[in-house]
mmCIF file of all heavy atoms, coordinates in Angstrom:
data_MODEL
# 
_entry.id   MODEL 
# 
loop_
_atom_site.group_PDB 
_atom_site.id 
_atom_site.type_symbol 
_atom_site.label_atom_id 
_atom_site.label_alt_id 
_atom_site.label_comp_id 
_atom_site.label_asym_id 
_atom_site.label_entity_id 
_atom_site.label_seq_id 
_atom_site.pdbx_PDB_ins_code 
_atom_site.Cartn_x 
_atom_site.Cartn_y 
_atom_site.Cartn_z 
_atom_site.occupancy 
_atom_site.B_iso_or_equiv 
_atom_site.pdbx_formal_charge 
_atom_site.auth_seq_id 
_atom_site.auth_comp_id 
_atom_site.auth_asym_id 
_atom_site.auth_atom_id 
_atom_site.pdbx_PDB_model_num 
ATOM 1   N N   . THR A 1 1  ? 41.470 4.721  13.573 1.00 0.00 ? 1  THR A N   1 
ATOM 2   C CA  . THR A 1 1  ? 41.414 5.611  12.274 1.00 0.00 ? 1  THR A CA  1 
ATOM 3   C C   . THR A 1 1  ? 40.479 6.802  12.570 1.00 0.00 ? 1  THR A C   1 
ATOM 4   O O   . THR A 1 1  ? 40.766 7.930  12.248 1.00 0.00 ? 1  THR A O   1 
ATOM 5   C CB  . THR A 1 1  ? 40.871 4.818  11.088 1.00 0.00 ? 1  THR A CB  1 
ATOM 6   O OG1 . THR A 1 1  ? 41.712 3.695  10.936 1.00 0.00 ? 1  THR A OG1 1 
ATOM 7   C CG2 . THR A 1 1  ? 40.709 5.676  9.893  1.00 0.00 ? 1  THR A CG2 1 
ATOM 8   N N   . LEU A 1 2  ? 39.350 6.570  13.306 1.00 0.00 ? 2  LEU A N   1 
ATOM 9   C CA  . LEU A 1 2  ? 38.472 7.688  13.696 1.00 0.00 ? 2  LEU A CA  1 
ATOM 10  C C   . LEU A 1 2  ? 39.214 8.695  14.594 1.00 0.00 ? 2  LEU A C   1 
ATOM 11  O O   . LEU A 1 2  ? 39.010 9.897  14.408 1.00 0.00 ? 2  LEU A O   1 
ATOM 12  C CB  . LEU A 1 2  ? 37.230 7.155  14.375 1.00 0.00 ? 2  LEU A CB  1 
ATOM 13  C CG  . LEU A 1 2  ? 36.254 6.386  13.581 1.00 0.00 ? 2  LEU A CG  1 
ATOM 14  C CD1 . LEU A 1 2  ? 35.121 5.794  14.441 1.00 0.00 ? 2  LEU A CD1 1 
ATOM 15  C CD2 . LEU A 1 2  ? 35.590 7.325  12.531 1.00 0.00 ? 2  LEU A CD2 1 
ATOM 16  N N   . LEU A 1 3  ? 39.980 8.108  15.449 1.00 0.00 ? 3  LEU A N   1 
ATOM 17  C CA  . LEU A 1 3  ? 40.808 8.967  16.428 1.00 0.00 ? 3  LEU A CA  1 
ATOM 18  C C   . LEU A 1 3  ? 41.769 9.830  15.630 1.00 0.00 ? 3  LEU A C   1 
ATOM 19  O O   . LEU A 1 3  ? 41.815 11.020 15.843 1.00 0.00 ? 3  LEU A O   1 
ATOM 20  C CB  . LEU A 1 3  ? 41.509 8.077  17.398 1.00 0.00 ? 3  LEU A CB  1 
ATOM 21  C CG  . LEU A 1 3  ? 42.390 8.749  18.435 1.00 0.00 ? 3  LEU A CG  1 
ATOM 22  C CD1 . LEU A 1 3  ? 41.498 9.618  19.298 1.00 0.00 ? 3  LEU A CD1 1 
ATOM 23  C CD2 . LEU A 1 3  ? 43.088 7.736  19.327 1.00 0.00 ? 3  LEU A CD2 1 
ATOM 24  N N   . ALA A 1 4  ? 42.483 9.219  14.632 1.00 0.00 ? 4  ALA A N   1 
ATOM 25  C CA  . ALA A 1 4  ? 43.474 10.003 13.900 1.00 0.00 ? 4  ALA A CA  1 
ATOM 26  C C   . ALA A 1 4  ? 42.795 11.036 13.048 1.00 0.00 ? 4  ALA A C   1 
ATOM 27  O O   . ALA A 1 4  ? 43.261 12.197 12.939 1.00 0.00 ? 4  ALA A O   1 
ATOM 28  C CB  . ALA A 1 4  ? 44.261 9.091  13.021 1.00 0.00 ? 4  ALA A CB  1 
ATOM 29  N N   . GLN A 1 5  ? 41.556 10.741 12.490 1.00 0.00 ? 5  GLN A N   1 
ATOM 30  C CA  . GLN A 1 5  ? 40.935 11.688 11.746 1.00 0.00 ? 5  GLN A CA  1 
ATOM 31  C C   . GLN A 1 5  ? 40.434 12.882 12.564 1.00 0.00 ? 5  GLN A C   1 
ATOM 32  O O   . GLN A 1 5  ? 40.399 14.014 12.168 1.00 0.00 ? 5  GLN A O   1 
ATOM 33  C CB  . GLN A 1 5  ? 39.703 10.992 10.972 1.00 0.00 ? 5  GLN A CB  1 
ATOM 34  C CG  . GLN A 1 5  ? 40.151 10.055 9.912  1.00 0.00 ? 5  GLN A CG  1 
ATOM 35  C CD  . GLN A 1 5  ? 38.956 9.278  9.270  1.00 0.00 ? 5  GLN A CD  1 
ATOM 36  O OE1 . GLN A 1 5  ? 37.907 9.233  9.884  1.00 0.00 ? 5  GLN A OE1 1 
ATOM 37  N NE2 . GLN A 1 5  ? 39.256 8.557  8.205  1.00 0.00 ? 5  GLN A NE2 1 
ATOM 38  N N   . GLY A 1 6  ? 40.032 12.547 13.772 1.00 0.00 ? 6  GLY A N   1 
ATOM 39  C CA  . GLY A 1 6  ? 39.564 13.540 14.757 1.00 0.00 ? 6  GLY A CA  1 
ATOM 40  C C   . GLY A 1 6  ? 40.735 14.523 15.125 1.00 0.00 ? 6  GLY A C   1 
ATOM 41  O O   . GLY A 1 6  ? 40.581 15.759 15.224 1.00 0.00 ? 6  GLY A O   1 
ATOM 42  N N   . LEU A 1 7  ? 41.939 13.901 15.267 1.00 0.00 ? 7  LEU A N   1 
ATOM 43  C CA  . LEU A 1 7  ? 43.051 14.692 15.600 1.00 0.00 ? 7  LEU A CA  1 
ATOM 44  C C   . LEU A 1 7  ? 43.476 15.684 14.517 1.00 0.00 ? 7  LEU A C   1 
ATOM 45  O O   . LEU A 1 7  ? 43.913 16.771 14.737 1.00 0.00 ? 7  LEU A O   1 
ATOM 46  C CB  . LEU A 1 7  ? 44.234 13.767 15.947 1.00 0.00 ? 7  LEU A CB  1 
ATOM 47  C CG  . LEU A 1 7  ? 44.142 12.946 17.246 1.00 0.00 ? 7  LEU A CG  1 
ATOM 48  C CD1 . LEU A 1 7  ? 45.271 12.011 17.322 1.00 0.00 ? 7  LEU A CD1 1 
ATOM 49  C CD2 . LEU A 1 7  ? 44.033 13.858 18.489 1.00 0.00 ? 7  LEU A CD2 1 
ATOM 50  N N   . ASP A 1 8  ? 43.243 15.167 13.265 1.00 0.00 ? 8  ASP A N   1 
ATOM 51  C CA  . ASP A 1 8  ? 43.658 16.049 12.075 1.00 0.00 ? 8  ASP A CA  1 
ATOM 52  C C   . ASP A 1 8  ? 42.835 17.302 12.069 1.00 0.00 ? 8  ASP A C   1 
ATOM 53  O O   . ASP A 1 8  ? 43.269 18.286 11.468 1.00 0.00 ? 8  ASP A O   1 
ATOM 54  C CB  . ASP A 1 8  ? 43.371 15.246 10.858 1.00 0.00 ? 8  ASP A CB  1 
ATOM 55  C CG  . ASP A 1 8  ? 43.717 15.946 9.583  1.00 0.00 ? 8  ASP A CG  1 
ATOM 56  O OD1 . ASP A 1 8  ? 44.956 16.479 9.572  1.00 0.00 ? 8  ASP A OD1 1 
ATOM 57  O OD2 . ASP A 1 8  ? 43.082 15.945 8.601  1.00 0.00 ? 8  ASP A OD2 1 
ATOM 58  N N   . LYS A 1 9  ? 41.645 17.321 12.677 1.00 0.00 ? 9  LYS A N   1 
ATOM 59  C CA  . LYS A 1 9  ? 40.766 18.537 12.657 1.00 0.00 ? 9  LYS A CA  1 
ATOM 60  C C   . LYS A 1 9  ? 41.314 19.615 13.598 1.00 0.00 ? 9  LYS A C   1 
ATOM 61  O O   . LYS A 1 9  ? 40.698 20.659 13.683 1.00 0.00 ? 9  LYS A O   1 
ATOM 62  C CB  . LYS A 1 9  ? 39.404 18.106 13.022 1.00 0.00 ? 9  LYS A CB  1 
ATOM 63  C CG  . LYS A 1 9  ? 38.761 17.171 11.940 1.00 0.00 ? 9  LYS A CG  1 
ATOM 64  C CD  . LYS A 1 9  ? 37.343 16.753 12.386 1.00 0.00 ? 9  LYS A CD  1 
ATOM 65  C CE  . LYS A 1 9  ? 36.753 15.754 11.345 1.00 0.00 ? 9  LYS A CE  1 
ATOM 66  N NZ  . LYS A 1 9  ? 35.340 15.334 11.714 1.00 0.00 ? 9  LYS A NZ  1 
ATOM 67  N N   . MET A 1 10 ? 42.304 19.265 14.379 1.00 0.00 ? 10 MET A N   1 
ATOM 68  C CA  . MET A 1 10 ? 42.811 20.259 15.385 1.00 0.00 ? 10 MET A CA  1 
ATOM 69  C C   . MET A 1 10 ? 43.494 21.448 14.642 1.00 0.00 ? 10 MET A C   1 
ATOM 70  O O   . MET A 1 10 ? 43.526 22.502 15.232 1.00 0.00 ? 10 MET A O   1 
ATOM 71  C CB  . MET A 1 10 ? 43.806 19.585 16.277 1.00 0.00 ? 10 MET A CB  1 
ATOM 72  C CG  . MET A 1 10 ? 43.248 18.625 17.264 1.00 0.00 ? 10 MET A CG  1 
ATOM 73  S SD  . MET A 1 10 ? 44.541 17.968 18.421 1.00 0.00 ? 10 MET A SD  1 
ATOM 74  C CE  . MET A 1 10 ? 43.452 17.033 19.524 1.00 0.00 ? 10 MET A CE  1 
ATOM 75  N N   . GLY A 1 11 ? 43.964 21.142 13.389 1.00 0.00 ? 11 GLY A N   1 
ATOM 76  C CA  . GLY A 1 11 ? 44.600 22.270 12.672 1.00 0.00 ? 11 GLY A CA  1 
ATOM 77  C C   . GLY A 1 11 ? 46.020 22.480 12.849 1.00 0.00 ? 11 GLY A C   1 
ATOM 78  O O   . GLY A 1 11 ? 46.720 22.736 11.877 1.00 0.00 ? 11 GLY A O   1 
ATOM 79  N N   . ASN A 1 12 ? 46.520 22.428 14.022 1.00 0.00 ? 12 ASN A N   1 
ATOM 80  C CA  . ASN A 1 12 ? 47.980 22.565 14.294 1.00 0.00 ? 12 ASN A CA  1 
ATOM 81  C C   . ASN A 1 12 ? 48.644 21.200 14.368 1.00 0.00 ? 12 ASN A C   1 
ATOM 82  O O   . ASN A 1 12 ? 48.297 20.435 15.291 1.00 0.00 ? 12 ASN A O   1 
ATOM 83  C CB  . ASN A 1 12 ? 48.123 23.340 15.658 1.00 0.00 ? 12 ASN A CB  1 
ATOM 84  C CG  . ASN A 1 12 ? 49.604 23.688 15.877 1.00 0.00 ? 12 ASN A CG  1 
ATOM 85  O OD1 . ASN A 1 12 ? 50.520 22.906 15.827 1.00 0.00 ? 12 ASN A OD1 1 
ATOM 86  N ND2 . ASN A 1 12 ? 49.852 25.000 16.225 1.00 0.00 ? 12 ASN A ND2 1 
ATOM 87  N N   . PHE A 1 13 ? 49.522 20.885 13.487 1.00 0.00 ? 13 PHE A N   1 
ATOM 88  C CA  . PHE A 1 13 ? 50.137 19.633 13.460 1.00 0.00 ? 13 PHE A CA  1 
ATOM 89  C C   . PHE A 1 13 ? 51.060 19.322 14.669 1.00 0.00 ? 13 PHE A C   1 
ATOM 90  O O   . PHE A 1 13 ? 51.215 18.122 15.013 1.00 0.00 ? 13 PHE A O   1 
ATOM 91  C CB  . PHE A 1 13 ? 50.843 19.358 12.183 1.00 0.00 ? 13 PHE A CB  1 
ATOM 92  C CG  . PHE A 1 13 ? 52.175 20.145 11.950 1.00 0.00 ? 13 PHE A CG  1 
ATOM 93  C CD1 . PHE A 1 13 ? 53.376 19.627 12.483 1.00 0.00 ? 13 PHE A CD1 1 
ATOM 94  C CD2 . PHE A 1 13 ? 52.204 21.343 11.417 1.00 0.00 ? 13 PHE A CD2 1 
ATOM 95  C CE1 . PHE A 1 13 ? 54.594 20.314 12.333 1.00 0.00 ? 13 PHE A CE1 1 
ATOM 96  C CE2 . PHE A 1 13 ? 53.399 22.052 11.193 1.00 0.00 ? 13 PHE A CE2 1 
ATOM 97  C CZ  . PHE A 1 13 ? 54.524 21.531 11.721 1.00 0.00 ? 13 PHE A CZ  1 
ATOM 98  N N   . TYR A 1 14 ? 51.573 20.358 15.276 1.00 0.00 ? 14 TYR A N   1 
ATOM 99  C CA  . TYR A 1 14 ? 52.441 20.109 16.470 1.00 0.00 ? 14 TYR A CA  1 
ATOM 100 C C   . TYR A 1 14 ? 51.548 19.503 17.599 1.00 0.00 ? 14 TYR A C   1 
ATOM 101 O O   . TYR A 1 14 ? 51.904 18.599 18.279 1.00 0.00 ? 14 TYR A O   1 
ATOM 102 C CB  . TYR A 1 14 ? 53.044 21.383 16.954 1.00 0.00 ? 14 TYR A CB  1 
ATOM 103 C CG  . TYR A 1 14 ? 54.142 21.899 16.055 1.00 0.00 ? 14 TYR A CG  1 
ATOM 104 C CD1 . TYR A 1 14 ? 54.079 23.237 15.486 1.00 0.00 ? 14 TYR A CD1 1 
ATOM 105 C CD2 . TYR A 1 14 ? 55.323 21.176 15.833 1.00 0.00 ? 14 TYR A CD2 1 
ATOM 106 C CE1 . TYR A 1 14 ? 55.166 23.686 14.646 1.00 0.00 ? 14 TYR A CE1 1 
ATOM 107 C CE2 . TYR A 1 14 ? 56.312 21.617 15.047 1.00 0.00 ? 14 TYR A CE2 1 
ATOM 108 C CZ  . TYR A 1 14 ? 56.235 22.939 14.420 1.00 0.00 ? 14 TYR A CZ  1 
ATOM 109 O OH  . TYR A 1 14 ? 57.306 23.351 13.714 1.00 0.00 ? 14 TYR A OH  1 
ATOM 110 N N   . VAL A 1 15 ? 50.381 20.128 17.769 1.00 0.00 ? 15 VAL A N   1 
ATOM 111 C CA  . VAL A 1 15 ? 49.377 19.617 18.733 1.00 0.00 ? 15 VAL A CA  1 
ATOM 112 C C   . VAL A 1 15 ? 48.928 18.248 18.383 1.00 0.00 ? 15 VAL A C   1 
ATOM 113 O O   . VAL A 1 15 ? 48.805 17.360 19.309 1.00 0.00 ? 15 VAL A O   1 
ATOM 114 C CB  . VAL A 1 15 ? 48.209 20.583 18.897 1.00 0.00 ? 15 VAL A CB  1 
ATOM 115 C CG1 . VAL A 1 15 ? 47.179 20.073 19.876 1.00 0.00 ? 15 VAL A CG1 1 
ATOM 116 C CG2 . VAL A 1 15 ? 48.594 21.981 19.265 1.00 0.00 ? 15 VAL A CG2 1 
ATOM 117 N N   . THR A 1 16 ? 48.725 17.969 17.108 1.00 0.00 ? 16 THR A N   1 
ATOM 118 C CA  . THR A 1 16 ? 48.298 16.647 16.722 1.00 0.00 ? 16 THR A CA  1 
ATOM 119 C C   . THR A 1 16 ? 49.268 15.572 17.098 1.00 0.00 ? 16 THR A C   1 
ATOM 120 O O   . THR A 1 16 ? 48.957 14.599 17.622 1.00 0.00 ? 16 THR A O   1 
ATOM 121 C CB  . THR A 1 16 ? 48.130 16.595 15.171 1.00 0.00 ? 16 THR A CB  1 
ATOM 122 O OG1 . THR A 1 16 ? 47.013 17.617 14.799 1.00 0.00 ? 16 THR A OG1 1 
ATOM 123 C CG2 . THR A 1 16 ? 47.659 15.204 14.699 1.00 0.00 ? 16 THR A CG2 1 
ATOM 124 N N   . ASP A 1 17 ? 50.557 15.832 16.824 1.00 0.00 ? 17 ASP A N   1 
ATOM 125 C CA  . ASP A 1 17 ? 51.682 14.943 17.140 1.00 0.00 ? 17 ASP A CA  1 
ATOM 126 C C   . ASP A 1 17 ? 51.707 14.747 18.749 1.00 0.00 ? 17 ASP A C   1 
ATOM 127 O O   . ASP A 1 17 ? 52.031 13.621 19.179 1.00 0.00 ? 17 ASP A O   1 
ATOM 128 C CB  . ASP A 1 17 ? 53.006 15.366 16.648 1.00 0.00 ? 17 ASP A CB  1 
ATOM 129 C CG  . ASP A 1 17 ? 53.130 15.164 15.103 1.00 0.00 ? 17 ASP A CG  1 
ATOM 130 O OD1 . ASP A 1 17 ? 52.350 14.385 14.604 1.00 0.00 ? 17 ASP A OD1 1 
ATOM 131 O OD2 . ASP A 1 17 ? 53.945 15.758 14.467 1.00 0.00 ? 17 ASP A OD2 1 
ATOM 132 N N   . LEU A 1 18 ? 51.674 15.843 19.416 1.00 0.00 ? 18 LEU A N   1 
ATOM 133 C CA  . LEU A 1 18 ? 51.686 15.775 20.892 1.00 0.00 ? 18 LEU A CA  1 
ATOM 134 C C   . LEU A 1 18 ? 50.585 14.882 21.437 1.00 0.00 ? 18 LEU A C   1 
ATOM 135 O O   . LEU A 1 18 ? 50.821 14.051 22.342 1.00 0.00 ? 18 LEU A O   1 
ATOM 136 C CB  . LEU A 1 18 ? 51.597 17.130 21.545 1.00 0.00 ? 18 LEU A CB  1 
ATOM 137 C CG  . LEU A 1 18 ? 52.879 18.005 21.593 1.00 0.00 ? 18 LEU A CG  1 
ATOM 138 C CD1 . LEU A 1 18 ? 52.534 19.335 22.124 1.00 0.00 ? 18 LEU A CD1 1 
ATOM 139 C CD2 . LEU A 1 18 ? 53.796 17.320 22.608 1.00 0.00 ? 18 LEU A CD2 1 
ATOM 140 N N   . VAL A 1 19 ? 49.374 15.049 21.005 1.00 0.00 ? 19 VAL A N   1 
ATOM 141 C CA  . VAL A 1 19 ? 48.269 14.182 21.359 1.00 0.00 ? 19 VAL A CA  1 
ATOM 142 C C   . VAL A 1 19 ? 48.417 12.743 21.012 1.00 0.00 ? 19 VAL A C   1 
ATOM 143 O O   . VAL A 1 19 ? 48.206 11.824 21.769 1.00 0.00 ? 19 VAL A O   1 
ATOM 144 C CB  . VAL A 1 19 ? 46.899 14.751 20.864 1.00 0.00 ? 19 VAL A CB  1 
ATOM 145 C CG1 . VAL A 1 19 ? 45.813 13.820 21.238 1.00 0.00 ? 19 VAL A CG1 1 
ATOM 146 C CG2 . VAL A 1 19 ? 46.684 16.127 21.366 1.00 0.00 ? 19 VAL A CG2 1 
ATOM 147 N N   . ILE A 1 20 ? 48.955 12.500 19.797 1.00 0.00 ? 20 ILE A N   1 
ATOM 148 C CA  . ILE A 1 20 ? 49.255 11.044 19.355 1.00 0.00 ? 20 ILE A CA  1 
ATOM 149 C C   . ILE A 1 20 ? 50.249 10.454 20.315 1.00 0.00 ? 20 ILE A C   1 
ATOM 150 O O   . ILE A 1 20 ? 50.139 9.363  20.687 1.00 0.00 ? 20 ILE A O   1 
ATOM 151 C CB  . ILE A 1 20 ? 49.744 11.056 17.914 1.00 0.00 ? 20 ILE A CB  1 
ATOM 152 C CG1 . ILE A 1 20 ? 48.647 11.420 16.888 1.00 0.00 ? 20 ILE A CG1 1 
ATOM 153 C CG2 . ILE A 1 20 ? 50.341 9.649  17.584 1.00 0.00 ? 20 ILE A CG2 1 
ATOM 154 C CD1 . ILE A 1 20 ? 49.068 11.496 15.429 1.00 0.00 ? 20 ILE A CD1 1 
ATOM 155 N N   . GLY A 1 21 ? 51.304 11.240 20.643 1.00 0.00 ? 21 GLY A N   1 
ATOM 156 C CA  . GLY A 1 21 ? 52.320 10.726 21.613 1.00 0.00 ? 21 GLY A CA  1 
ATOM 157 C C   . GLY A 1 21 ? 51.697 10.396 22.918 1.00 0.00 ? 21 GLY A C   1 
ATOM 158 O O   . GLY A 1 21 ? 51.993 9.353  23.504 1.00 0.00 ? 21 GLY A O   1 
ATOM 159 N N   . ALA A 1 22 ? 50.849 11.249 23.497 1.00 0.00 ? 22 ALA A N   1 
ATOM 160 C CA  . ALA A 1 22 ? 50.145 10.996 24.771 1.00 0.00 ? 22 ALA A CA  1 
ATOM 161 C C   . ALA A 1 22 ? 49.316 9.764  24.661 1.00 0.00 ? 22 ALA A C   1 
ATOM 162 O O   . ALA A 1 22 ? 49.268 8.970  25.651 1.00 0.00 ? 22 ALA A O   1 
ATOM 163 C CB  . ALA A 1 22 ? 49.416 12.218 25.146 1.00 0.00 ? 22 ALA A CB  1 
ATOM 164 N N   . LEU A 1 23 ? 48.539 9.645  23.534 1.00 0.00 ? 23 LEU A N   1 
ATOM 165 C CA  . LEU A 1 23 ? 47.630 8.525  23.407 1.00 0.00 ? 23 LEU A CA  1 
ATOM 166 C C   . LEU A 1 23 ? 48.419 7.201  23.291 1.00 0.00 ? 23 LEU A C   1 
ATOM 167 O O   . LEU A 1 23 ? 47.887 6.166  23.602 1.00 0.00 ? 23 LEU A O   1 
ATOM 168 C CB  . LEU A 1 23 ? 46.675 8.767  22.246 1.00 0.00 ? 23 LEU A CB  1 
ATOM 169 C CG  . LEU A 1 23 ? 45.637 9.837  22.316 1.00 0.00 ? 23 LEU A CG  1 
ATOM 170 C CD1 . LEU A 1 23 ? 45.015 10.067 21.032 1.00 0.00 ? 23 LEU A CD1 1 
ATOM 171 C CD2 . LEU A 1 23 ? 44.625 9.424  23.419 1.00 0.00 ? 23 LEU A CD2 1 
ATOM 172 N N   . SER A 1 24 ? 49.649 7.282  22.809 1.00 0.00 ? 24 SER A N   1 
ATOM 173 C CA  . SER A 1 24 ? 50.425 6.073  22.608 1.00 0.00 ? 24 SER A CA  1 
ATOM 174 C C   . SER A 1 24 ? 50.841 5.430  23.984 1.00 0.00 ? 24 SER A C   1 
ATOM 175 O O   . SER A 1 24 ? 51.307 4.311  23.967 1.00 0.00 ? 24 SER A O   1 
ATOM 176 C CB  . SER A 1 24 ? 51.700 6.339  21.833 1.00 0.00 ? 24 SER A CB  1 
ATOM 177 O OG  . SER A 1 24 ? 52.659 7.054  22.563 1.00 0.00 ? 24 SER A OG  1 
ATOM 178 N N   . SER A 1 25 ? 50.599 6.191  25.086 1.00 0.00 ? 25 SER A N   1 
ATOM 179 C CA  . SER A 1 25 ? 50.766 5.590  26.407 1.00 0.00 ? 25 SER A CA  1 
ATOM 180 C C   . SER A 1 25 ? 49.601 4.752  26.816 1.00 0.00 ? 25 SER A C   1 
ATOM 181 O O   . SER A 1 25 ? 49.639 3.942  27.820 1.00 0.00 ? 25 SER A O   1 
ATOM 182 C CB  . SER A 1 25 ? 51.068 6.754  27.451 1.00 0.00 ? 25 SER A CB  1 
ATOM 183 O OG  . SER A 1 25 ? 49.860 7.444  27.637 1.00 0.00 ? 25 SER A OG  1 
ATOM 184 N N   . ILE A 1 26 ? 48.488 4.898  26.115 1.00 0.00 ? 26 ILE A N   1 
ATOM 185 C CA  . ILE A 1 26 ? 47.326 4.071  26.344 1.00 0.00 ? 26 ILE A CA  1 
ATOM 186 C C   . ILE A 1 26 ? 47.106 2.944  25.423 1.00 0.00 ? 26 ILE A C   1 
ATOM 187 O O   . ILE A 1 26 ? 46.760 1.823  25.712 1.00 0.00 ? 26 ILE A O   1 
ATOM 188 C CB  . ILE A 1 26 ? 46.049 4.979  26.442 1.00 0.00 ? 26 ILE A CB  1 
ATOM 189 C CG1 . ILE A 1 26 ? 46.275 6.092  27.465 1.00 0.00 ? 26 ILE A CG1 1 
ATOM 190 C CG2 . ILE A 1 26 ? 44.748 4.209  26.712 1.00 0.00 ? 26 ILE A CG2 1 
ATOM 191 C CD1 . ILE A 1 26 ? 45.104 7.134  27.483 1.00 0.00 ? 26 ILE A CD1 1 
ATOM 192 N N   . VAL A 1 27 ? 47.224 3.243  24.068 1.00 0.00 ? 27 VAL A N   1 
ATOM 193 C CA  . VAL A 1 27 ? 47.129 2.235  23.087 1.00 0.00 ? 27 VAL A CA  1 
ATOM 194 C C   . VAL A 1 27 ? 48.357 2.180  22.319 1.00 0.00 ? 27 VAL A C   1 
ATOM 195 O O   . VAL A 1 27 ? 49.199 3.107  22.418 1.00 0.00 ? 27 VAL A O   1 
ATOM 196 C CB  . VAL A 1 27 ? 45.844 2.597  22.086 1.00 0.00 ? 27 VAL A CB  1 
ATOM 197 C CG1 . VAL A 1 27 ? 44.584 2.480  22.852 1.00 0.00 ? 27 VAL A CG1 1 
ATOM 198 C CG2 . VAL A 1 27 ? 46.146 3.918  21.451 1.00 0.00 ? 27 VAL A CG2 1 
# 
């Protein structure tokens, strides 16, 4: 949840989704 909230602060939702996708290879 902390991670998702941190990603939300990036501002650009395309970048947020890209990072979530990359992180899904780890968790």
